[in-house]
């Protein structure tokens, strides 16, 4: 049986580490510091069952919306659930994010319990 993994894509090492610590007891946590790395992890992954992608919207190189567009173009939302993690809780950003087939949106700052609960929704 394949090990379950979660990808966290955020340009903040602090956020990536918080998510990793929150989930590492249950999942392999793969980290990406930008959207381009996140897409590469999705494409190159062969050894893990990706349980979820926790995706920041504002990152260098590829931002979160570019990753969402990639998922839409490649029909990946039903294969890898996407959870938005963002400090931007403006109405326009939230509305735009929910035009994609995402699971939910988790606003920063968040707790370990918030992270675990939202990833468990992906079961």
N, C-alpha and C. Protein backbone atom coordinates (compact mmCIF):
# COMPACT_ATOMS: atom_id res chain seq x y z
N UNK A 1 0.84 -1.19 0.00
CA UNK A 1 0.00 0.00 0.00
C UNK A 1 0.88 1.25 0.00
N UNK A 2 0.51 2.23 -0.81
CA UNK A 2 1.30 3.46 -0.90
C UNK A 2 1.13 4.31 0.35
N UNK A 3 2.21 4.94 0.77
CA UNK A 3 2.14 5.86 1.90
C UNK A 3 1.40 7.12 1.49
N UNK A 4 0.62 7.67 2.43
CA UNK A 4 -0.11 8.90 2.15
C UNK A 4 0.79 10.10 2.40
N UNK A 5 0.67 11.09 1.52
CA UNK A 5 1.46 12.31 1.63
C UNK A 5 0.56 13.52 1.43
N UNK A 6 1.05 14.62 1.94
CA UNK A 6 0.41 15.92 1.75
C UNK A 6 1.47 16.85 1.20
N UNK A 7 1.09 17.67 0.22
CA UNK A 7 2.00 18.69 -0.30
C UNK A 7 1.58 20.02 0.31
N UNK A 8 2.54 20.75 0.85
CA UNK A 8 2.27 22.11 1.31
C UNK A 8 3.10 23.06 0.45
N UNK A 9 2.42 23.98 -0.21
CA UNK A 9 3.07 24.94 -1.10
C UNK A 9 2.85 26.34 -0.53
N UNK A 10 3.92 26.90 0.00
CA UNK A 10 3.88 28.24 0.59
C UNK A 10 5.28 28.82 0.53
N UNK A 11 5.40 30.10 0.22
CA UNK A 11 6.72 30.71 0.15
C UNK A 11 7.31 30.98 1.53
N UNK A 12 6.53 30.81 2.58
CA UNK A 12 7.02 31.00 3.94
C UNK A 12 7.49 29.67 4.54
N UNK A 13 8.79 29.59 4.85
CA UNK A 13 9.33 28.38 5.49
C UNK A 13 8.66 28.14 6.83
N UNK A 14 8.29 29.20 7.52
CA UNK A 14 7.63 29.07 8.82
C UNK A 14 6.29 28.35 8.65
N UNK A 15 5.50 28.77 7.68
CA UNK A 15 4.20 28.12 7.43
C UNK A 15 4.41 26.67 7.02
N UNK A 16 5.35 26.42 6.12
CA UNK A 16 5.62 25.03 5.70
C UNK A 16 6.00 24.16 6.89
N UNK A 17 6.80 24.71 7.79
CA UNK A 17 7.22 23.94 8.96
C UNK A 17 6.07 23.71 9.95
N UNK A 18 5.21 24.70 10.12
CA UNK A 18 4.03 24.54 11.00
C UNK A 18 3.15 23.43 10.46
N UNK A 19 2.89 23.46 9.16
CA UNK A 19 2.05 22.42 8.55
C UNK A 19 2.73 21.05 8.65
N UNK A 20 4.03 21.01 8.40
CA UNK A 20 4.77 19.75 8.48
C UNK A 20 4.69 19.15 9.88
N UNK A 21 4.90 19.98 10.89
CA UNK A 21 4.83 19.49 12.27
C UNK A 21 3.42 19.00 12.61
N UNK A 22 2.42 19.70 12.11
CA UNK A 22 1.03 19.34 12.40
C UNK A 22 0.64 18.01 11.76
N UNK A 23 1.22 17.69 10.62
CA UNK A 23 0.79 16.52 9.86
C UNK A 23 1.77 15.35 9.85
N UNK A 24 3.00 15.56 10.31
CA UNK A 24 4.04 14.55 10.13
C UNK A 24 3.81 13.25 10.91
N UNK A 25 2.97 13.27 11.93
CA UNK A 25 2.67 12.02 12.64
C UNK A 25 1.84 11.08 11.76
N UNK A 26 1.09 11.63 10.84
CA UNK A 26 0.15 10.84 10.05
C UNK A 26 0.52 10.74 8.56
N UNK A 27 1.23 11.74 8.04
CA UNK A 27 1.51 11.80 6.61
C UNK A 27 2.97 12.13 6.34
N UNK A 28 3.43 11.75 5.16
CA UNK A 28 4.68 12.27 4.63
C UNK A 28 4.33 13.68 4.14
N UNK A 29 5.11 14.68 4.52
CA UNK A 29 4.82 16.05 4.10
C UNK A 29 5.89 16.50 3.10
N UNK A 30 5.44 16.79 1.88
CA UNK A 30 6.32 17.28 0.82
C UNK A 30 6.16 18.80 0.76
N UNK A 31 7.28 19.51 0.70
CA UNK A 31 7.23 20.97 0.75
C UNK A 31 7.64 21.59 -0.58
N UNK A 32 6.91 22.66 -0.94
CA UNK A 32 7.23 23.45 -2.12
C UNK A 32 7.22 24.92 -1.72
N UNK A 33 8.23 25.68 -2.14
CA UNK A 33 8.30 27.09 -1.77
C UNK A 33 7.63 28.00 -2.79
N UNK A 34 7.15 27.41 -3.89
CA UNK A 34 6.41 28.19 -4.90
C UNK A 34 5.53 27.24 -5.70
N UNK A 35 4.68 27.81 -6.52
CA UNK A 35 3.74 27.01 -7.29
C UNK A 35 4.40 26.10 -8.30
N UNK A 36 5.52 26.54 -8.87
CA UNK A 36 6.23 25.73 -9.85
C UNK A 36 6.73 24.44 -9.21
N UNK A 37 7.27 24.55 -7.99
CA UNK A 37 7.73 23.36 -7.26
C UNK A 37 6.54 22.45 -6.91
N UNK A 38 5.41 23.04 -6.58
CA UNK A 38 4.22 22.26 -6.24
C UNK A 38 3.77 21.43 -7.44
N UNK A 39 3.71 22.05 -8.61
CA UNK A 39 3.32 21.33 -9.82
C UNK A 39 4.33 20.22 -10.12
N UNK A 40 5.61 20.51 -9.94
CA UNK A 40 6.65 19.50 -10.18
C UNK A 40 6.45 18.30 -9.24
N UNK A 41 6.14 18.56 -7.96
CA UNK A 41 5.90 17.47 -7.01
C UNK A 41 4.69 16.63 -7.43
N UNK A 42 3.66 17.28 -7.92
CA UNK A 42 2.46 16.56 -8.38
C UNK A 42 2.81 15.68 -9.59
N UNK A 43 3.54 16.24 -10.55
CA UNK A 43 3.88 15.52 -11.78
C UNK A 43 4.84 14.36 -11.50
N UNK A 44 5.86 14.61 -10.69
CA UNK A 44 6.92 13.63 -10.49
C UNK A 44 6.58 12.58 -9.44
N UNK A 45 5.56 12.81 -8.64
CA UNK A 45 5.24 11.88 -7.57
C UNK A 45 4.76 10.54 -8.13
N UNK A 46 5.45 9.51 -7.74
CA UNK A 46 5.04 8.15 -8.11
C UNK A 46 4.94 7.25 -6.87
N UNK A 47 5.61 7.65 -5.78
CA UNK A 47 5.69 6.74 -4.65
C UNK A 47 4.67 7.00 -3.54
N UNK A 48 3.93 8.11 -3.60
CA UNK A 48 2.98 8.42 -2.54
C UNK A 48 1.57 8.61 -3.09
N UNK A 49 0.61 8.32 -2.23
CA UNK A 49 -0.78 8.66 -2.50
C UNK A 49 -0.98 10.07 -1.94
N UNK A 50 -1.12 11.06 -2.81
CA UNK A 50 -1.25 12.45 -2.35
C UNK A 50 -2.66 12.65 -1.79
N UNK A 51 -2.72 12.87 -0.50
CA UNK A 51 -3.99 13.05 0.21
C UNK A 51 -4.57 14.43 -0.03
N UNK A 52 -3.69 15.46 -0.11
CA UNK A 52 -4.15 16.84 -0.30
C UNK A 52 -2.98 17.74 -0.69
N UNK A 53 -3.35 18.86 -1.29
CA UNK A 53 -2.40 19.94 -1.56
C UNK A 53 -2.88 21.15 -0.77
N UNK A 54 -2.05 21.61 0.15
CA UNK A 54 -2.34 22.86 0.88
C UNK A 54 -1.60 23.95 0.14
N UNK A 55 -2.33 24.90 -0.40
CA UNK A 55 -1.79 25.84 -1.39
C UNK A 55 -1.98 27.29 -0.97
N UNK A 56 -0.86 28.00 -0.86
CA UNK A 56 -0.91 29.45 -0.65
C UNK A 56 -1.21 30.09 -2.01
N UNK A 57 -1.86 31.24 -1.98
CA UNK A 57 -2.20 31.91 -3.24
C UNK A 57 -1.13 32.89 -3.71
N UNK A 58 -0.42 33.49 -2.77
CA UNK A 58 0.58 34.50 -3.14
C UNK A 58 1.98 33.94 -2.94
N UNK A 59 2.58 33.53 -4.07
CA UNK A 59 3.93 32.97 -4.06
C UNK A 59 4.68 33.45 -5.30
N UNK A 60 6.02 33.40 -5.25
CA UNK A 60 6.82 33.77 -6.42
C UNK A 60 6.75 32.69 -7.51
N UNK A 61 7.20 33.04 -8.69
CA UNK A 61 7.23 32.19 -9.89
C UNK A 61 5.83 31.82 -10.34
N UNK A 62 5.24 30.75 -9.82
CA UNK A 62 3.84 30.42 -10.09
C UNK A 62 3.08 30.76 -8.83
N UNK A 63 2.04 31.58 -8.92
CA UNK A 63 1.24 31.82 -7.72
C UNK A 63 0.19 30.70 -7.61
N UNK A 64 -0.58 30.74 -6.54
CA UNK A 64 -1.57 29.69 -6.30
C UNK A 64 -2.61 29.59 -7.40
N UNK A 65 -3.00 30.72 -7.98
CA UNK A 65 -4.01 30.67 -9.03
C UNK A 65 -3.47 30.00 -10.30
N UNK A 66 -2.17 30.13 -10.55
CA UNK A 66 -1.57 29.42 -11.69
C UNK A 66 -1.60 27.91 -11.44
N UNK A 67 -1.37 27.51 -10.20
CA UNK A 67 -1.46 26.09 -9.85
C UNK A 67 -2.90 25.60 -10.01
N UNK A 68 -3.85 26.40 -9.54
CA UNK A 68 -5.27 26.05 -9.70
C UNK A 68 -5.63 25.91 -11.18
N UNK A 69 -5.13 26.81 -12.01
CA UNK A 69 -5.38 26.70 -13.45
C UNK A 69 -4.78 25.41 -14.02
N UNK A 70 -3.59 25.06 -13.56
CA UNK A 70 -2.95 23.80 -14.01
C UNK A 70 -3.83 22.60 -13.61
N UNK A 71 -4.32 22.60 -12.37
CA UNK A 71 -5.19 21.51 -11.91
C UNK A 71 -6.45 21.44 -12.76
N UNK A 72 -7.03 22.59 -13.06
CA UNK A 72 -8.27 22.62 -13.86
C UNK A 72 -8.01 22.08 -15.27
N UNK A 73 -6.93 22.54 -15.91
CA UNK A 73 -6.61 22.11 -17.27
C UNK A 73 -6.30 20.62 -17.36
N UNK A 74 -5.81 20.04 -16.27
CA UNK A 74 -5.39 18.64 -16.27
C UNK A 74 -6.32 17.72 -15.46
N UNK A 75 -7.50 18.24 -15.13
CA UNK A 75 -8.51 17.46 -14.40
C UNK A 75 -7.94 16.76 -13.16
N UNK A 76 -7.25 17.51 -12.33
CA UNK A 76 -6.60 16.94 -11.15
C UNK A 76 -7.38 17.13 -9.85
N UNK A 77 -8.40 17.96 -9.84
CA UNK A 77 -9.11 18.24 -8.59
C UNK A 77 -9.74 16.99 -7.98
N UNK A 78 -10.20 16.05 -8.81
CA UNK A 78 -10.80 14.84 -8.25
C UNK A 78 -9.74 13.80 -7.86
N UNK A 79 -8.48 14.01 -8.25
CA UNK A 79 -7.39 13.12 -7.88
C UNK A 79 -6.67 13.63 -6.63
N UNK A 80 -6.46 14.94 -6.56
CA UNK A 80 -5.75 15.55 -5.43
C UNK A 80 -6.58 16.72 -4.92
N UNK A 81 -7.21 16.56 -3.76
CA UNK A 81 -7.99 17.66 -3.19
C UNK A 81 -7.09 18.85 -2.85
N UNK A 82 -7.60 20.06 -3.11
CA UNK A 82 -6.83 21.28 -2.86
C UNK A 82 -7.49 22.08 -1.75
N UNK A 83 -6.66 22.48 -0.79
CA UNK A 83 -7.08 23.34 0.32
C UNK A 83 -6.26 24.62 0.21
N UNK A 84 -6.91 25.75 0.14
CA UNK A 84 -6.21 27.03 0.08
C UNK A 84 -5.83 27.44 1.49
N UNK A 85 -4.55 27.82 1.67
CA UNK A 85 -4.09 28.42 2.94
C UNK A 85 -3.61 29.81 2.58
N UNK A 86 -4.25 30.82 3.12
CA UNK A 86 -3.92 32.17 2.69
C UNK A 86 -4.13 33.19 3.79
N UNK A 87 -3.34 34.22 3.75
CA UNK A 87 -3.52 35.35 4.65
C UNK A 87 -4.42 36.40 4.04
N UNK A 88 -4.76 36.21 2.77
CA UNK A 88 -5.62 37.16 2.06
C UNK A 88 -7.06 36.69 2.15
N UNK A 89 -7.83 37.34 3.02
CA UNK A 89 -9.23 36.94 3.19
C UNK A 89 -10.18 37.96 2.57
N UNK A 90 -9.69 38.68 1.55
CA UNK A 90 -10.56 39.65 0.89
C UNK A 90 -11.65 38.92 0.11
N UNK A 91 -12.78 39.56 -0.02
CA UNK A 91 -13.94 38.96 -0.67
C UNK A 91 -13.61 38.51 -2.10
N UNK A 92 -12.90 39.35 -2.83
CA UNK A 92 -12.56 39.03 -4.22
C UNK A 92 -11.69 37.79 -4.32
N UNK A 93 -10.70 37.68 -3.45
CA UNK A 93 -9.81 36.52 -3.47
C UNK A 93 -10.57 35.25 -3.12
N UNK A 94 -11.40 35.32 -2.09
CA UNK A 94 -12.18 34.15 -1.67
C UNK A 94 -13.12 33.71 -2.79
N UNK A 95 -13.82 34.68 -3.39
CA UNK A 95 -14.75 34.34 -4.47
C UNK A 95 -14.01 33.71 -5.66
N UNK A 96 -12.85 34.28 -6.01
CA UNK A 96 -12.08 33.73 -7.13
C UNK A 96 -11.60 32.31 -6.80
N UNK A 97 -11.13 32.09 -5.56
CA UNK A 97 -10.65 30.75 -5.17
C UNK A 97 -11.77 29.71 -5.27
N UNK A 98 -12.97 30.09 -4.88
CA UNK A 98 -14.08 29.13 -4.90
C UNK A 98 -14.70 28.94 -6.29
N UNK A 99 -14.16 29.63 -7.31
CA UNK A 99 -14.58 29.31 -8.68
C UNK A 99 -13.91 28.01 -9.13
N UNK A 100 -12.88 27.59 -8.39
CA UNK A 100 -12.20 26.33 -8.64
C UNK A 100 -12.80 25.27 -7.72
N UNK A 101 -12.57 24.02 -8.04
CA UNK A 101 -13.12 22.91 -7.27
C UNK A 101 -12.25 22.59 -6.06
N UNK A 102 -12.12 23.57 -5.15
CA UNK A 102 -11.31 23.38 -3.95
C UNK A 102 -12.16 22.79 -2.83
N UNK A 103 -11.49 22.18 -1.85
CA UNK A 103 -12.19 21.59 -0.70
C UNK A 103 -12.65 22.68 0.25
N UNK A 104 -11.72 23.59 0.56
CA UNK A 104 -12.02 24.65 1.53
C UNK A 104 -10.87 25.64 1.52
N UNK A 105 -11.03 26.67 2.34
CA UNK A 105 -10.02 27.70 2.47
C UNK A 105 -9.73 27.89 3.95
N UNK A 106 -8.46 27.87 4.32
CA UNK A 106 -8.03 28.03 5.70
C UNK A 106 -7.23 29.33 5.79
N UNK A 107 -7.74 30.28 6.57
CA UNK A 107 -7.06 31.56 6.69
C UNK A 107 -5.96 31.51 7.74
N UNK A 108 -4.84 32.15 7.41
CA UNK A 108 -3.73 32.27 8.35
C UNK A 108 -4.08 33.36 9.36
N UNK A 109 -3.68 33.26 10.58
CA UNK A 109 -2.97 32.13 11.20
C UNK A 109 -3.94 31.00 11.52
N UNK A 110 -3.42 29.78 11.57
CA UNK A 110 -4.26 28.63 11.88
C UNK A 110 -3.54 27.74 12.89
N UNK A 111 -4.29 26.83 13.49
CA UNK A 111 -3.73 25.95 14.51
C UNK A 111 -3.49 24.56 13.93
N UNK A 112 -2.75 23.74 14.67
CA UNK A 112 -2.51 22.35 14.29
C UNK A 112 -3.84 21.62 14.11
N UNK A 113 -4.78 21.88 15.03
CA UNK A 113 -6.09 21.23 14.96
C UNK A 113 -6.83 21.63 13.68
N UNK A 114 -6.76 22.93 13.31
CA UNK A 114 -7.39 23.39 12.07
C UNK A 114 -6.84 22.63 10.86
N UNK A 115 -5.51 22.48 10.84
CA UNK A 115 -4.85 21.81 9.71
C UNK A 115 -5.28 20.35 9.63
N UNK A 116 -5.21 19.66 10.76
CA UNK A 116 -5.61 18.24 10.79
C UNK A 116 -7.06 18.06 10.37
N UNK A 117 -7.95 18.88 10.91
CA UNK A 117 -9.37 18.77 10.58
C UNK A 117 -9.64 18.98 9.10
N UNK A 118 -8.99 19.97 8.51
CA UNK A 118 -9.27 20.28 7.11
C UNK A 118 -8.70 19.19 6.18
N UNK A 119 -7.54 18.62 6.53
CA UNK A 119 -6.98 17.54 5.72
C UNK A 119 -7.85 16.29 5.84
N UNK A 120 -8.38 16.03 7.01
CA UNK A 120 -9.25 14.87 7.20
C UNK A 120 -10.54 14.98 6.37
N UNK A 121 -10.96 16.20 6.03
CA UNK A 121 -12.13 16.38 5.17
C UNK A 121 -11.91 15.80 3.78
N UNK A 122 -10.66 15.57 3.44
CA UNK A 122 -10.33 15.07 2.11
C UNK A 122 -10.48 13.55 1.98
N UNK A 123 -10.84 12.87 3.04
CA UNK A 123 -10.97 11.40 3.01
C UNK A 123 -12.09 10.96 2.11
